[in-house]
């Protein structure tokens, strides 16, 4: 029987460093964690495997996906395309209400990032940052009027975040993040579509690696024309 609370909690744990990359997800252990049947856990894991957050193979069972530079680069490129297109559509269609939501989402994220930047141990701020960062990027595309684009974005975002669930906890990127998020917001509020696409690309470009980086840059230029 499907249990949405167990599914949601597992989904959250899978993208916030509660499991290691490549770790086997044992239904017997998880059923004890949640006080439910093994079949309930398996149903949640099967659903999560359709989202790419869990790998499933016959005879091997369920595992957390391995960390992969190639997968991260691909997910990053897709994020750039989806967020660029979604934000441009929001600029055209969102109006004052969307601008107000974007300003509020940025204010919350900026406040948390500045506190992280000033903190020697930002551990307690990590859950707040995860949520605020997602909300900011979701708000960028929230007025695009495409349920399909938004659904694809959140699925890609979760897989992207899972790939970075360990690396991002060092927060050595946070000062640039503060600048990048502000630049994206300003460009979007100014209605500058080309600059907004470019700032979104610049924000995520550090995750594009090697040959894929050059290929993705060319695709970005083509998609923006």
N, C-alpha and C. Protein backbone atom coordinates (compact mmCIF):
# COMPACT_ATOMS: atom_id res chain seq x y z
N UNK A 1 0.85 -1.19 0.00
CA UNK A 1 0.00 0.00 0.00
C UNK A 1 0.88 1.25 0.00
N UNK A 2 0.54 2.21 -0.85
CA UNK A 2 1.36 3.41 -0.97
C UNK A 2 1.12 4.34 0.21
N UNK A 3 2.20 4.81 0.81
CA UNK A 3 2.14 5.76 1.92
C UNK A 3 2.89 7.02 1.51
N UNK A 4 2.17 8.11 1.28
CA UNK A 4 2.79 9.33 0.77
C UNK A 4 3.78 9.93 1.77
N UNK A 5 3.52 9.80 3.07
CA UNK A 5 4.44 10.36 4.06
C UNK A 5 5.80 9.66 4.00
N UNK A 6 5.78 8.33 3.90
CA UNK A 6 7.04 7.57 3.81
C UNK A 6 7.76 7.92 2.52
N UNK A 7 7.01 7.96 1.42
CA UNK A 7 7.58 8.34 0.12
C UNK A 7 8.24 9.71 0.19
N UNK A 8 7.54 10.71 0.75
CA UNK A 8 8.07 12.08 0.83
C UNK A 8 9.30 12.15 1.71
N UNK A 9 9.28 11.41 2.83
CA UNK A 9 10.44 11.44 3.73
C UNK A 9 11.65 10.78 3.08
N UNK A 10 11.45 9.67 2.41
CA UNK A 10 12.55 9.02 1.71
C UNK A 10 13.09 9.91 0.60
N UNK A 11 12.20 10.55 -0.12
CA UNK A 11 12.62 11.47 -1.17
C UNK A 11 13.51 12.57 -0.60
N UNK A 12 13.11 13.14 0.52
CA UNK A 12 13.89 14.19 1.16
C UNK A 12 15.25 13.65 1.62
N UNK A 13 15.27 12.47 2.23
CA UNK A 13 16.51 11.89 2.72
C UNK A 13 17.48 11.59 1.57
N UNK A 14 16.94 11.23 0.43
CA UNK A 14 17.78 10.86 -0.71
C UNK A 14 18.49 12.05 -1.34
N UNK A 15 17.99 13.26 -1.11
CA UNK A 15 18.64 14.43 -1.71
C UNK A 15 19.33 15.32 -0.68
N UNK A 16 19.33 14.88 0.59
CA UNK A 16 19.93 15.71 1.63
C UNK A 16 20.99 14.97 2.45
N UNK A 17 21.68 14.01 1.80
CA UNK A 17 22.87 13.41 2.41
C UNK A 17 22.56 12.44 3.54
N UNK A 18 21.38 11.87 3.59
CA UNK A 18 21.07 10.89 4.63
C UNK A 18 21.58 9.50 4.25
N UNK A 19 21.86 9.31 2.96
CA UNK A 19 22.43 8.06 2.47
C UNK A 19 23.68 8.38 1.65
N UNK A 20 24.58 7.42 1.55
CA UNK A 20 25.78 7.60 0.74
C UNK A 20 25.51 7.23 -0.72
N UNK A 21 26.25 7.83 -1.64
CA UNK A 21 26.16 7.44 -3.04
C UNK A 21 26.50 5.96 -3.17
N UNK A 22 25.66 5.22 -3.89
CA UNK A 22 25.89 3.80 -4.09
C UNK A 22 25.43 2.90 -2.96
N UNK A 23 24.91 3.49 -1.89
CA UNK A 23 24.48 2.68 -0.74
C UNK A 23 23.27 1.83 -1.07
N UNK A 24 23.27 0.59 -0.60
CA UNK A 24 22.13 -0.30 -0.79
C UNK A 24 21.01 0.12 0.15
N UNK A 25 19.81 0.21 -0.38
CA UNK A 25 18.63 0.59 0.39
C UNK A 25 17.87 -0.68 0.74
N UNK A 26 17.95 -1.10 1.98
CA UNK A 26 17.39 -2.37 2.41
C UNK A 26 15.98 -2.17 2.96
N UNK A 27 15.02 -2.83 2.32
CA UNK A 27 13.62 -2.69 2.73
C UNK A 27 13.41 -3.15 4.17
N UNK A 28 14.14 -4.19 4.58
CA UNK A 28 13.98 -4.69 5.95
C UNK A 28 14.40 -3.66 6.99
N UNK A 29 15.48 -2.94 6.70
CA UNK A 29 15.94 -1.90 7.62
C UNK A 29 14.98 -0.72 7.60
N UNK A 30 14.57 -0.32 6.40
CA UNK A 30 13.69 0.85 6.29
C UNK A 30 12.31 0.60 6.90
N UNK A 31 11.85 -0.63 6.83
CA UNK A 31 10.53 -0.91 7.42
C UNK A 31 10.60 -0.75 8.94
N UNK A 32 11.78 -1.06 9.53
CA UNK A 32 11.94 -0.84 10.97
C UNK A 32 12.02 0.65 11.28
N UNK A 33 12.67 1.41 10.39
CA UNK A 33 12.76 2.86 10.59
C UNK A 33 11.37 3.50 10.60
N UNK A 34 10.51 3.02 9.71
CA UNK A 34 9.19 3.66 9.54
C UNK A 34 8.06 2.92 10.24
N UNK A 35 8.34 1.74 10.79
CA UNK A 35 7.30 0.99 11.48
C UNK A 35 6.19 0.57 10.54
N UNK A 36 6.58 0.10 9.35
CA UNK A 36 5.58 -0.30 8.35
C UNK A 36 6.01 -1.63 7.73
N UNK A 37 5.28 -2.09 6.75
CA UNK A 37 5.62 -3.35 6.09
C UNK A 37 6.71 -3.13 5.05
N UNK A 38 7.41 -4.20 4.71
CA UNK A 38 8.44 -4.13 3.68
C UNK A 38 7.83 -3.80 2.33
N UNK A 39 6.62 -4.28 2.06
CA UNK A 39 5.96 -4.00 0.78
C UNK A 39 5.66 -2.51 0.64
N UNK A 40 5.34 -1.84 1.74
CA UNK A 40 5.10 -0.39 1.70
C UNK A 40 6.37 0.36 1.34
N UNK A 41 7.48 -0.07 1.93
CA UNK A 41 8.78 0.55 1.62
C UNK A 41 9.15 0.30 0.17
N UNK A 42 8.96 -0.92 -0.30
CA UNK A 42 9.31 -1.24 -1.69
C UNK A 42 8.49 -0.41 -2.68
N UNK A 43 7.22 -0.22 -2.38
CA UNK A 43 6.38 0.59 -3.26
C UNK A 43 6.92 2.02 -3.36
N UNK A 44 7.33 2.58 -2.23
CA UNK A 44 7.90 3.94 -2.24
C UNK A 44 9.21 3.95 -3.03
N UNK A 45 10.05 2.93 -2.83
CA UNK A 45 11.33 2.87 -3.54
C UNK A 45 11.13 2.70 -5.04
N UNK A 46 10.16 1.89 -5.45
CA UNK A 46 9.88 1.74 -6.87
C UNK A 46 9.46 3.07 -7.48
N UNK A 47 8.62 3.81 -6.79
CA UNK A 47 8.19 5.11 -7.29
C UNK A 47 9.37 6.07 -7.40
N UNK A 48 10.24 6.04 -6.41
CA UNK A 48 11.42 6.91 -6.44
C UNK A 48 12.39 6.50 -7.54
N UNK A 49 12.38 5.23 -7.90
CA UNK A 49 13.26 4.79 -8.99
C UNK A 49 12.77 5.34 -10.33
N UNK A 50 11.47 5.57 -10.48
CA UNK A 50 10.96 6.16 -11.73
C UNK A 50 11.35 7.63 -11.84
N UNK A 51 11.74 8.26 -10.72
CA UNK A 51 12.18 9.65 -10.73
C UNK A 51 13.70 9.76 -10.87
N UNK A 52 14.38 8.63 -10.87
CA UNK A 52 15.84 8.64 -10.99
C UNK A 52 16.56 8.83 -9.67
N UNK A 53 15.85 8.88 -8.55
CA UNK A 53 16.48 9.07 -7.25
C UNK A 53 16.93 7.76 -6.61
N UNK A 54 16.50 6.66 -7.18
CA UNK A 54 16.89 5.33 -6.72
C UNK A 54 17.18 4.48 -7.96
N UNK A 55 18.25 3.69 -7.90
CA UNK A 55 18.54 2.72 -8.95
C UNK A 55 17.99 1.36 -8.53
N UNK A 56 17.35 0.66 -9.47
CA UNK A 56 16.84 -0.68 -9.17
C UNK A 56 17.31 -1.65 -10.24
N UNK A 57 17.83 -2.80 -9.79
CA UNK A 57 18.21 -3.88 -10.69
C UNK A 57 17.76 -5.20 -10.08
N UNK A 58 17.25 -6.08 -10.92
CA UNK A 58 16.88 -7.41 -10.46
C UNK A 58 18.11 -8.08 -9.84
N UNK A 59 17.88 -8.77 -8.76
CA UNK A 59 18.91 -9.50 -8.01
C UNK A 59 19.80 -8.59 -7.16
N UNK A 60 19.85 -7.30 -7.49
CA UNK A 60 20.69 -6.39 -6.71
C UNK A 60 19.86 -5.47 -5.81
N UNK A 61 18.60 -5.33 -6.13
CA UNK A 61 17.73 -4.51 -5.30
C UNK A 61 17.86 -3.01 -5.57
N UNK A 62 17.63 -2.22 -4.52
CA UNK A 62 17.60 -0.77 -4.63
C UNK A 62 18.91 -0.17 -4.10
N UNK A 63 19.41 0.83 -4.81
CA UNK A 63 20.61 1.53 -4.37
C UNK A 63 20.46 3.03 -4.66
N UNK A 64 21.21 3.82 -3.88
CA UNK A 64 21.33 5.25 -4.17
C UNK A 64 22.22 5.40 -5.40
N UNK A 65 21.85 6.24 -6.37
CA UNK A 65 22.70 6.41 -7.55
C UNK A 65 24.12 6.83 -7.19
N UNK A 66 25.07 6.33 -7.96
CA UNK A 66 26.47 6.72 -7.77
C UNK A 66 26.66 8.18 -8.17
N UNK A 67 27.66 8.81 -7.56
CA UNK A 67 28.03 10.15 -7.97
C UNK A 67 28.69 10.08 -9.34
N UNK A 68 28.30 10.98 -10.25
CA UNK A 68 28.81 10.91 -11.62
C UNK A 68 28.95 12.32 -12.19
N UNK A 69 30.17 12.67 -12.61
CA UNK A 69 30.40 13.98 -13.21
C UNK A 69 29.62 14.13 -14.50
N UNK A 70 29.49 13.03 -15.26
CA UNK A 70 28.76 13.09 -16.52
C UNK A 70 27.27 13.33 -16.29
N UNK A 71 26.72 12.62 -15.30
CA UNK A 71 25.30 12.81 -14.98
C UNK A 71 25.05 14.22 -14.47
N UNK A 72 25.94 14.71 -13.60
CA UNK A 72 25.79 16.06 -13.07
C UNK A 72 25.82 17.09 -14.19
N UNK A 73 26.74 16.94 -15.13
CA UNK A 73 26.84 17.88 -16.25
C UNK A 73 25.58 17.86 -17.10
N UNK A 74 25.05 16.66 -17.34
CA UNK A 74 23.84 16.55 -18.14
C UNK A 74 22.64 17.18 -17.43
N UNK A 75 22.50 16.90 -16.15
CA UNK A 75 21.41 17.49 -15.37
C UNK A 75 21.53 19.00 -15.31
N UNK A 76 22.76 19.49 -15.19
CA UNK A 76 22.99 20.93 -15.16
C UNK A 76 22.56 21.57 -16.46
N UNK A 77 22.92 20.98 -17.58
CA UNK A 77 22.54 21.52 -18.88
C UNK A 77 21.02 21.57 -19.02
N UNK A 78 20.34 20.51 -18.59
CA UNK A 78 18.88 20.49 -18.67
C UNK A 78 18.28 21.56 -17.77
N UNK A 79 18.86 21.73 -16.58
CA UNK A 79 18.38 22.81 -15.70
C UNK A 79 18.52 24.17 -16.35
N UNK A 80 19.66 24.42 -16.99
CA UNK A 80 19.88 25.70 -17.65
C UNK A 80 18.81 25.95 -18.71
N UNK A 81 18.51 24.92 -19.50
CA UNK A 81 17.50 25.07 -20.55
C UNK A 81 16.11 25.31 -19.96
N UNK A 82 15.73 24.49 -18.97
CA UNK A 82 14.40 24.61 -18.38
C UNK A 82 14.23 25.93 -17.63
N UNK A 83 15.21 26.29 -16.83
CA UNK A 83 15.09 27.53 -16.05
C UNK A 83 15.17 28.76 -16.95
N UNK A 84 16.01 28.70 -17.97
CA UNK A 84 16.08 29.83 -18.89
C UNK A 84 14.75 30.06 -19.60
N UNK A 85 14.20 28.98 -20.16
CA UNK A 85 12.93 29.10 -20.88
C UNK A 85 11.79 29.45 -19.93
N UNK A 86 11.75 28.77 -18.78
CA UNK A 86 10.67 29.01 -17.82
C UNK A 86 10.69 30.42 -17.27
N UNK A 87 11.88 30.96 -17.02
CA UNK A 87 11.98 32.32 -16.47
C UNK A 87 11.60 33.35 -17.52
N UNK A 88 12.01 33.14 -18.76
CA UNK A 88 11.63 34.07 -19.82
C UNK A 88 10.11 34.11 -19.98
N UNK A 89 9.47 32.95 -19.93
CA UNK A 89 8.00 32.92 -20.01
C UNK A 89 7.37 33.61 -18.81
N UNK A 90 7.99 33.45 -17.64
CA UNK A 90 7.47 34.14 -16.45
C UNK A 90 7.63 35.65 -16.57
N UNK A 91 8.74 36.10 -17.15
CA UNK A 91 8.94 37.54 -17.37
C UNK A 91 7.81 38.09 -18.24
N UNK A 92 7.45 37.34 -19.27
CA UNK A 92 6.42 37.79 -20.21
C UNK A 92 5.02 37.73 -19.64
N UNK A 93 4.78 36.79 -18.73
CA UNK A 93 3.41 36.51 -18.29
C UNK A 93 3.13 36.78 -16.82
N UNK A 94 4.18 36.94 -16.02
CA UNK A 94 3.99 36.94 -14.57
C UNK A 94 3.44 38.21 -13.98
N UNK A 95 3.82 39.34 -14.52
CA UNK A 95 3.33 40.61 -14.00
C UNK A 95 3.85 40.94 -12.61
N UNK A 96 3.19 41.89 -11.97
CA UNK A 96 3.63 42.40 -10.67
C UNK A 96 3.57 41.32 -9.58
N UNK A 97 2.57 40.45 -9.65
CA UNK A 97 2.43 39.40 -8.62
C UNK A 97 3.64 38.46 -8.63
N UNK A 98 4.08 38.08 -9.83
CA UNK A 98 5.26 37.23 -9.93
C UNK A 98 6.52 37.96 -9.47
N UNK A 99 6.64 39.22 -9.85
CA UNK A 99 7.80 40.00 -9.43
C UNK A 99 7.88 40.10 -7.91
N UNK A 100 6.72 40.24 -7.26
CA UNK A 100 6.69 40.32 -5.80
C UNK A 100 7.10 38.99 -5.17
N UNK A 101 6.61 37.89 -5.74
CA UNK A 101 6.99 36.56 -5.22
C UNK A 101 8.48 36.32 -5.40
N UNK A 102 9.02 36.72 -6.55
CA UNK A 102 10.44 36.51 -6.80
C UNK A 102 11.29 37.33 -5.84
N UNK A 103 10.90 38.56 -5.61
CA UNK A 103 11.63 39.42 -4.68
C UNK A 103 11.63 38.83 -3.27
N UNK A 104 10.47 38.32 -2.85
CA UNK A 104 10.36 37.72 -1.51
C UNK A 104 11.20 36.45 -1.40
N UNK A 105 11.16 35.61 -2.45
CA UNK A 105 11.94 34.36 -2.43
C UNK A 105 13.43 34.67 -2.39
N UNK A 106 13.85 35.69 -3.14
CA UNK A 106 15.26 36.07 -3.12
C UNK A 106 15.67 36.64 -1.77
N UNK A 107 14.82 37.44 -1.18
CA UNK A 107 15.13 38.03 0.14
C UNK A 107 15.38 36.92 1.17
N UNK A 108 14.52 35.92 1.17
CA UNK A 108 14.68 34.82 2.12
C UNK A 108 15.98 34.06 1.86
N UNK A 109 16.24 33.73 0.60
CA UNK A 109 17.46 32.98 0.26
C UNK A 109 18.71 33.79 0.57
N UNK A 110 18.71 35.06 0.22
CA UNK A 110 19.86 35.92 0.46
C UNK A 110 20.18 36.02 1.95
N UNK A 111 19.14 36.15 2.75
CA UNK A 111 19.33 36.24 4.21
C UNK A 111 20.01 34.98 4.75
N UNK A 112 19.55 33.81 4.29
CA UNK A 112 20.11 32.56 4.76
C UNK A 112 21.55 32.40 4.26
N UNK A 113 21.79 32.73 2.99
CA UNK A 113 23.14 32.58 2.44
C UNK A 113 24.14 33.52 3.12
N UNK A 114 23.71 34.71 3.47
CA UNK A 114 24.61 35.63 4.17
C UNK A 114 24.92 35.13 5.57
N UNK A 115 23.95 34.49 6.21
CA UNK A 115 24.21 33.90 7.53
C UNK A 115 25.17 32.72 7.42
N UNK A 116 25.02 31.91 6.37
CA UNK A 116 25.94 30.79 6.15
C UNK A 116 27.35 31.31 5.91
N UNK A 117 27.45 32.36 5.11
CA UNK A 117 28.76 32.95 4.77
C UNK A 117 29.47 33.46 6.02
N UNK A 118 28.70 33.95 6.99
CA UNK A 118 29.29 34.51 8.21
C UNK A 118 29.49 33.48 9.32
N UNK A 119 29.01 32.25 9.10
CA UNK A 119 29.04 31.24 10.15
C UNK A 119 30.23 30.30 10.00
N UNK A 120 30.82 29.93 11.11
CA UNK A 120 31.89 28.94 11.10
C UNK A 120 31.34 27.52 10.98
N UNK A 121 30.14 27.31 11.48
CA UNK A 121 29.49 26.00 11.38
C UNK A 121 28.03 26.21 10.95
N UNK A 122 27.75 26.11 9.63
CA UNK A 122 26.40 26.39 9.14
C UNK A 122 25.47 25.18 9.17
N UNK A 123 25.83 24.13 9.91
CA UNK A 123 25.07 22.88 9.88
C UNK A 123 23.58 23.10 10.10
N UNK A 124 23.23 23.93 11.08
CA UNK A 124 21.82 24.14 11.40
C UNK A 124 21.08 24.89 10.30
N UNK A 125 21.83 25.56 9.43
CA UNK A 125 21.21 26.35 8.37
C UNK A 125 21.01 25.55 7.08
N UNK A 126 21.61 24.36 7.01
CA UNK A 126 21.57 23.58 5.77
C UNK A 126 20.14 23.25 5.33
N UNK A 127 19.26 22.73 6.21
CA UNK A 127 17.89 22.44 5.76
C UNK A 127 17.16 23.69 5.27
N UNK A 128 17.38 24.82 5.94
CA UNK A 128 16.74 26.06 5.51
C UNK A 128 17.24 26.48 4.13
N UNK A 129 18.55 26.30 3.91
CA UNK A 129 19.11 26.69 2.61
C UNK A 129 18.58 25.80 1.50
N UNK A 130 18.53 24.49 1.73
CA UNK A 130 18.00 23.57 0.73
C UNK A 130 16.61 24.03 0.27
N UNK A 131 15.75 24.34 1.23
CA UNK A 131 14.37 24.71 0.90
C UNK A 131 14.30 26.08 0.23
N UNK A 132 15.05 27.04 0.75
CA UNK A 132 15.01 28.40 0.20
C UNK A 132 15.59 28.45 -1.21
N UNK A 133 16.65 27.66 -1.45
CA UNK A 133 17.25 27.64 -2.79
C UNK A 133 16.30 27.04 -3.81
N UNK A 134 15.62 25.95 -3.42
CA UNK A 134 14.62 25.36 -4.31
C UNK A 134 13.48 26.34 -4.58
N UNK A 135 13.00 27.01 -3.54
CA UNK A 135 11.88 27.94 -3.70
C UNK A 135 12.24 29.09 -4.64
N UNK A 136 13.47 29.59 -4.55
CA UNK A 136 13.88 30.68 -5.42
C UNK A 136 13.85 30.24 -6.88
N UNK A 137 14.45 29.09 -7.16
CA UNK A 137 14.50 28.62 -8.55
C UNK A 137 13.13 28.20 -9.06
N UNK A 138 12.28 27.68 -8.18
CA UNK A 138 10.91 27.37 -8.60
C UNK A 138 10.11 28.64 -8.87
N UNK A 139 10.36 29.68 -8.07
CA UNK A 139 9.65 30.94 -8.28
C UNK A 139 10.03 31.57 -9.61
N UNK A 140 11.27 31.42 -10.02
CA UNK A 140 11.70 31.96 -11.31
C UNK A 140 10.80 31.48 -12.43
N UNK A 141 10.42 30.20 -12.40
CA UNK A 141 9.64 29.63 -13.50
C UNK A 141 8.16 29.50 -13.17
N UNK A 142 7.75 30.01 -12.02
CA UNK A 142 6.40 29.74 -11.51
C UNK A 142 5.28 30.33 -12.35
N UNK A 143 5.57 31.37 -13.15
CA UNK A 143 4.53 32.01 -13.97
C UNK A 143 4.64 31.62 -15.43
N UNK A 144 5.35 30.53 -15.73
CA UNK A 144 5.57 30.15 -17.13
C UNK A 144 4.34 29.53 -17.77
N UNK A 145 3.36 29.15 -16.96
CA UNK A 145 2.10 28.59 -17.46
C UNK A 145 2.30 27.26 -18.18
N UNK A 146 3.29 26.48 -17.74
CA UNK A 146 3.51 25.15 -18.31
C UNK A 146 3.70 24.15 -17.18
N UNK A 147 2.68 23.36 -16.91
CA UNK A 147 2.77 22.37 -15.85
C UNK A 147 3.83 21.32 -16.18
N UNK A 148 3.98 21.01 -17.46
CA UNK A 148 4.98 20.02 -17.88
C UNK A 148 6.39 20.51 -17.60
N UNK A 149 6.68 21.77 -17.95
CA UNK A 149 8.01 22.32 -17.71
C UNK A 149 8.32 22.32 -16.21
N UNK A 150 7.36 22.73 -15.40
CA UNK A 150 7.59 22.80 -13.96
C UNK A 150 7.79 21.40 -13.35
N UNK A 151 7.04 20.42 -13.84
CA UNK A 151 7.20 19.06 -13.33
C UNK A 151 8.56 18.49 -13.72
N UNK A 152 8.98 18.74 -14.95
CA UNK A 152 10.30 18.29 -15.39
C UNK A 152 11.40 18.97 -14.58
N UNK A 153 11.22 20.25 -14.31
CA UNK A 153 12.24 21.00 -13.57
C UNK A 153 12.43 20.45 -12.16
N UNK A 154 11.36 20.20 -11.46
CA UNK A 154 11.51 19.74 -10.07
C UNK A 154 12.14 18.35 -10.03
N UNK A 155 11.84 17.50 -11.02
CA UNK A 155 12.46 16.18 -11.06
C UNK A 155 13.95 16.29 -11.35
N UNK A 156 14.32 17.14 -12.31
CA UNK A 156 15.73 17.34 -12.63
C UNK A 156 16.45 17.99 -11.46
N UNK A 157 15.80 18.96 -10.81
CA UNK A 157 16.42 19.65 -9.67
C UNK A 157 16.74 18.66 -8.55
N UNK A 158 15.83 17.75 -8.25
CA UNK A 158 16.07 16.78 -7.17
C UNK A 158 17.25 15.87 -7.50
N UNK A 159 17.31 15.41 -8.72
CA UNK A 159 18.44 14.55 -9.11
C UNK A 159 19.76 15.35 -9.09
N UNK A 160 19.71 16.59 -9.53
CA UNK A 160 20.86 17.48 -9.48
C UNK A 160 21.33 17.66 -8.04
N UNK A 161 20.39 17.93 -7.15
CA UNK A 161 20.74 18.14 -5.74
C UNK A 161 21.29 16.86 -5.12
N UNK A 162 20.77 15.71 -5.52
CA UNK A 162 21.29 14.44 -5.01
C UNK A 162 22.75 14.24 -5.41
N UNK A 163 23.10 14.61 -6.63
CA UNK A 163 24.49 14.48 -7.08
C UNK A 163 25.42 15.35 -6.24
N UNK A 164 24.90 16.47 -5.72
CA UNK A 164 25.72 17.42 -4.98
C UNK A 164 25.53 17.34 -3.46
N UNK A 165 24.82 16.33 -2.99
CA UNK A 165 24.41 16.34 -1.58
C UNK A 165 25.59 16.35 -0.60
N UNK A 166 26.75 15.88 -1.03
CA UNK A 166 27.93 15.93 -0.17
C UNK A 166 28.78 17.15 -0.49
N UNK A 167 29.07 17.36 -1.77
CA UNK A 167 29.97 18.44 -2.18
C UNK A 167 29.48 19.82 -1.74
N UNK A 168 28.19 20.06 -1.83
CA UNK A 168 27.66 21.38 -1.54
C UNK A 168 27.71 21.74 -0.06
N UNK A 169 27.92 20.78 0.82
CA UNK A 169 27.88 21.08 2.25
C UNK A 169 29.10 21.83 2.74
N UNK A 170 30.12 21.92 1.90
CA UNK A 170 31.29 22.73 2.28
C UNK A 170 30.98 24.22 2.17
N UNK A 171 30.02 24.58 1.30
CA UNK A 171 29.58 25.96 1.10
C UNK A 171 30.73 26.91 0.73
N UNK A 172 31.76 26.38 0.06
CA UNK A 172 32.83 27.26 -0.37
C UNK A 172 32.42 28.13 -1.56
N UNK A 173 31.24 27.84 -2.10
CA UNK A 173 30.70 28.58 -3.24
C UNK A 173 29.75 29.70 -2.83
N UNK A 174 29.50 29.86 -1.53
CA UNK A 174 28.35 30.65 -1.09
C UNK A 174 28.47 32.13 -1.45
N UNK A 175 29.69 32.69 -1.42
CA UNK A 175 29.83 34.11 -1.76
C UNK A 175 29.44 34.37 -3.22
N UNK A 176 29.83 33.45 -4.10
CA UNK A 176 29.44 33.59 -5.50
C UNK A 176 27.94 33.35 -5.67
N UNK A 177 27.40 32.43 -4.89
CA UNK A 177 25.96 32.17 -4.95
C UNK A 177 25.16 33.44 -4.64
N UNK A 178 25.59 34.17 -3.63
CA UNK A 178 24.90 35.40 -3.25
C UNK A 178 24.87 36.37 -4.43
N UNK A 179 26.02 36.51 -5.09
CA UNK A 179 26.11 37.41 -6.25
C UNK A 179 25.27 36.90 -7.41
N UNK A 180 25.34 35.60 -7.67
CA UNK A 180 24.62 35.02 -8.80
C UNK A 180 23.11 35.15 -8.65
N UNK A 181 22.60 34.79 -7.48
CA UNK A 181 21.15 34.87 -7.27
C UNK A 181 20.65 36.30 -7.39
N UNK A 182 21.42 37.24 -6.88
CA UNK A 182 21.04 38.65 -7.00
C UNK A 182 21.03 39.08 -8.47
N UNK A 183 22.05 38.66 -9.22
CA UNK A 183 22.13 39.05 -10.63
C UNK A 183 20.99 38.47 -11.44
N UNK A 184 20.60 37.23 -11.14
CA UNK A 184 19.46 36.61 -11.83
C UNK A 184 18.18 37.38 -11.54
N UNK A 185 17.97 37.69 -10.26
CA UNK A 185 16.77 38.43 -9.88
C UNK A 185 16.70 39.78 -10.57
N UNK A 186 17.78 40.53 -10.56
CA UNK A 186 17.80 41.87 -11.15
C UNK A 186 17.51 41.79 -12.64
N UNK A 187 18.15 40.87 -13.34
CA UNK A 187 17.93 40.73 -14.78
C UNK A 187 16.48 40.37 -15.08
N UNK A 188 15.91 39.46 -14.27
CA UNK A 188 14.52 39.06 -14.47
C UNK A 188 13.56 40.20 -14.20
N UNK A 189 13.77 40.93 -13.12
CA UNK A 189 12.88 42.05 -12.79
C UNK A 189 13.00 43.18 -13.80
N UNK A 190 14.18 43.30 -14.42
CA UNK A 190 14.36 44.31 -15.47
C UNK A 190 13.74 43.87 -16.79
N UNK A 191 13.31 42.63 -16.87
CA UNK A 191 12.71 42.12 -18.09
C UNK A 191 13.71 41.86 -19.20
N UNK A 192 14.97 41.72 -18.85
CA UNK A 192 16.02 41.48 -19.85
C UNK A 192 16.16 39.97 -20.06
N UNK A 193 15.52 39.47 -21.09
CA UNK A 193 15.44 38.02 -21.29
C UNK A 193 16.81 37.40 -21.60
N UNK A 194 17.57 38.01 -22.49
CA UNK A 194 18.88 37.46 -22.85
C UNK A 194 19.82 37.45 -21.65
N UNK A 195 19.83 38.54 -20.89
CA UNK A 195 20.71 38.62 -19.73
C UNK A 195 20.28 37.62 -18.66
N UNK A 196 18.98 37.43 -18.50
CA UNK A 196 18.49 36.46 -17.52
C UNK A 196 18.96 35.06 -17.87
N UNK A 197 18.83 34.68 -19.13
CA UNK A 197 19.33 33.37 -19.57
C UNK A 197 20.82 33.24 -19.27
N UNK A 198 21.57 34.30 -19.58
CA UNK A 198 23.01 34.26 -19.37
C UNK A 198 23.37 34.13 -17.90
N UNK A 199 22.66 34.85 -17.03
CA UNK A 199 22.96 34.79 -15.60
C UNK A 199 22.61 33.43 -15.01
N UNK A 200 21.55 32.81 -15.51
CA UNK A 200 21.22 31.45 -15.06
C UNK A 200 22.32 30.49 -15.49
N UNK A 201 22.76 30.64 -16.73
CA UNK A 201 23.87 29.82 -17.22
C UNK A 201 25.13 30.03 -16.37
N UNK A 202 25.48 31.28 -16.12
CA UNK A 202 26.68 31.58 -15.34
C UNK A 202 26.60 30.97 -13.93
N UNK A 203 25.42 31.01 -13.35
CA UNK A 203 25.22 30.49 -12.00
C UNK A 203 25.50 28.99 -11.92
N UNK A 204 25.13 28.26 -12.95
CA UNK A 204 25.24 26.81 -12.93
C UNK A 204 26.46 26.27 -13.68
N UNK A 205 27.19 27.15 -14.34
CA UNK A 205 28.27 26.71 -15.24
C UNK A 205 29.37 25.93 -14.54
N UNK A 206 29.58 26.15 -13.24
CA UNK A 206 30.67 25.44 -12.54
C UNK A 206 30.42 23.93 -12.50
N UNK A 207 29.19 23.50 -12.78
CA UNK A 207 28.88 22.07 -12.76
C UNK A 207 28.95 21.44 -14.14
N UNK A 208 29.30 22.23 -15.14
CA UNK A 208 29.48 21.69 -16.49
C UNK A 208 30.96 21.36 -16.65
N UNK A 209 31.26 20.10 -16.92
CA UNK A 209 32.66 19.71 -16.94
C UNK A 209 33.16 19.25 -18.28
N UNK A 210 34.44 19.46 -18.53
CA UNK A 210 35.14 18.89 -19.67
C UNK A 210 34.52 19.20 -21.01
N UNK A 211 34.49 18.16 -21.86
CA UNK A 211 33.98 18.33 -23.22
C UNK A 211 32.51 18.71 -23.20
N UNK A 212 31.78 18.20 -22.19
CA UNK A 212 30.36 18.52 -22.13
C UNK A 212 30.14 20.00 -21.96
N UNK A 213 31.06 20.66 -21.24
CA UNK A 213 30.93 22.09 -20.99
C UNK A 213 30.91 22.86 -22.30
N UNK A 214 31.83 22.55 -23.21
CA UNK A 214 31.88 23.26 -24.48
C UNK A 214 30.65 22.95 -25.32
N UNK A 215 30.24 21.69 -25.31
CA UNK A 215 29.06 21.29 -26.06
C UNK A 215 27.82 21.97 -25.51
N UNK A 216 27.70 22.01 -24.18
CA UNK A 216 26.54 22.65 -23.56
C UNK A 216 26.51 24.13 -23.83
N UNK A 217 27.67 24.78 -23.81
CA UNK A 217 27.73 26.21 -24.08
C UNK A 217 27.22 26.51 -25.49
N UNK A 218 27.60 25.66 -26.46
CA UNK A 218 27.14 25.87 -27.83
C UNK A 218 25.64 25.69 -27.93
N UNK A 219 25.11 24.67 -27.25
CA UNK A 219 23.67 24.44 -27.26
C UNK A 219 22.93 25.60 -26.61
N UNK A 220 23.51 26.11 -25.53
CA UNK A 220 22.90 27.26 -24.85
C UNK A 220 22.78 28.44 -25.78
N UNK A 221 23.85 28.73 -26.52
CA UNK A 221 23.84 29.85 -27.44
C UNK A 221 22.79 29.66 -28.52
N UNK A 222 22.67 28.41 -29.02
CA UNK A 222 21.70 28.12 -30.06
C UNK A 222 20.27 28.26 -29.55
N UNK A 223 20.02 27.79 -28.30
CA UNK A 223 18.68 27.84 -27.74
C UNK A 223 18.25 29.25 -27.42
N UNK A 224 19.21 30.14 -27.17
CA UNK A 224 18.88 31.52 -26.81
C UNK A 224 18.63 32.40 -28.03
N UNK A 225 18.95 31.86 -29.23
CA UNK A 225 18.79 32.68 -30.44
C UNK A 225 17.34 32.71 -30.89
